[in-house]
Amino acid sequence: MAALEVTHQYRPDGLQHLTISLGAAVSSIAGLQQASDLLACCDRMLYRAKQLGRNQAQLADTSVAWQAESIPV
């Protein structure tokens, strides 16, 4: 997305183009996670991606005691 340099004149951080920040969560423990818990984890990962500078993805594996991983986009 950043390579496309799509203009975004109202960004609060002063950059003039769009970026993508993503938050995701996975669990390999079938039936032990509520959908609402995974969604809440995705939301936390989204805000973590934004706090770490935007234009990236944060992935949490909830089946392994909250391992989070940065993934450049």
Protein backbone atom coordinates (compact mmCIF):
# COMPACT_ATOMS: atom_id res chain seq x y z
CA MET A 1 0.00 0.00 0.00
CA ALA A 2 2.76 2.47 0.88
CA ALA A 3 4.39 1.91 -2.51
CA LEU A 4 1.18 3.11 -4.19
CA GLU A 5 1.52 6.44 -2.33
CA VAL A 6 -2.23 6.98 -2.13
CA THR A 7 -2.73 10.49 -0.73
CA HIS A 8 -4.21 10.88 2.76
CA GLN A 9 -4.09 14.54 3.70
CA TYR A 10 -5.70 14.13 7.14
CA ARG A 11 -3.22 11.72 8.76
CA PRO A 12 -2.42 12.81 12.32
CA ASP A 13 1.23 11.74 12.06
CA GLY A 14 2.07 14.05 9.16
CA LEU A 15 2.63 11.40 6.50
CA GLN A 16 0.71 12.14 3.34
CA HIS A 17 -0.07 8.59 2.19
CA LEU A 18 -2.12 5.58 3.28
CA THR A 19 -0.58 2.64 5.09
CA ILE A 20 -2.08 -0.61 6.37
CA SER A 21 -1.96 -1.82 9.97
CA LEU A 22 -3.36 -5.27 10.74
CA GLY A 23 -4.05 -7.23 13.89
CA ALA A 24 -4.62 -10.99 13.80
CA ALA A 25 -4.92 -13.86 16.25
CA VAL A 26 -4.85 -17.62 15.80
CA SER A 27 -5.36 -20.56 18.09
CA SER A 28 -4.64 -24.21 17.45
CA ILE A 29 -6.56 -25.31 20.54
CA ALA A 30 -9.98 -26.22 19.14
CA GLY A 31 -12.90 -25.23 21.30
CA LEU A 32 -10.90 -23.53 24.05
CA GLN A 33 -11.18 -20.01 22.65
CA GLN A 34 -14.35 -17.96 22.48
CA ALA A 35 -14.77 -16.00 19.25
CA SER A 36 -15.08 -12.81 21.31
CA ASP A 37 -11.70 -13.54 22.96
CA LEU A 38 -9.98 -13.96 19.60
CA LEU A 39 -11.63 -10.80 18.29
CA ALA A 40 -10.45 -8.86 21.36
CA CYS A 41 -6.94 -10.19 20.79
CA CYS A 42 -7.08 -9.07 17.15
CA ASP A 43 -8.06 -5.61 18.33
CA ARG A 44 -5.11 -5.48 20.76
CA MET A 45 -2.76 -6.57 18.00
CA LEU A 46 -4.13 -3.85 15.68
CA TYR A 47 -3.38 -1.16 18.25
CA ARG A 48 0.03 -2.70 18.88
CA ALA A 49 0.80 -2.47 15.14
CA LYS A 50 -0.19 1.20 15.18
CA GLN A 51 1.87 1.93 18.30
CA LEU A 52 4.92 0.27 16.75
CA GLY A 53 4.86 2.63 13.80
CA ARG A 54 1.97 1.54 11.56
CA ASN A 55 2.30 -0.11 8.15
CA GLN A 56 2.71 -3.60 9.63
CA ALA A 57 0.82 -6.59 10.92
CA GLN A 58 0.91 -8.05 14.42
CA LEU A 59 0.00 -11.71 14.87
CA ALA A 60 -0.74 -13.35 18.23
CA ASP A 61 -0.82 -17.11 18.69
CA THR A 62 -3.16 -17.51 21.65
CA SER A 63 -2.46 -21.24 21.90
CA VAL A 64 1.15 -20.49 22.94
CA ALA A 65 0.70 -18.10 25.87
CA TRP A 66 0.45 -14.88 23.90
CA GLN A 67 3.30 -15.02 21.44
CA ALA A 68 3.14 -11.93 19.25
CA GLU A 69 5.03 -11.49 16.02
CA SER A 70 5.66 -8.45 13.83
CA ILE A 71 5.06 -8.92 10.13
CA PRO A 72 6.01 -6.14 7.71
CA VAL A 73 3.36 -5.35 5.08
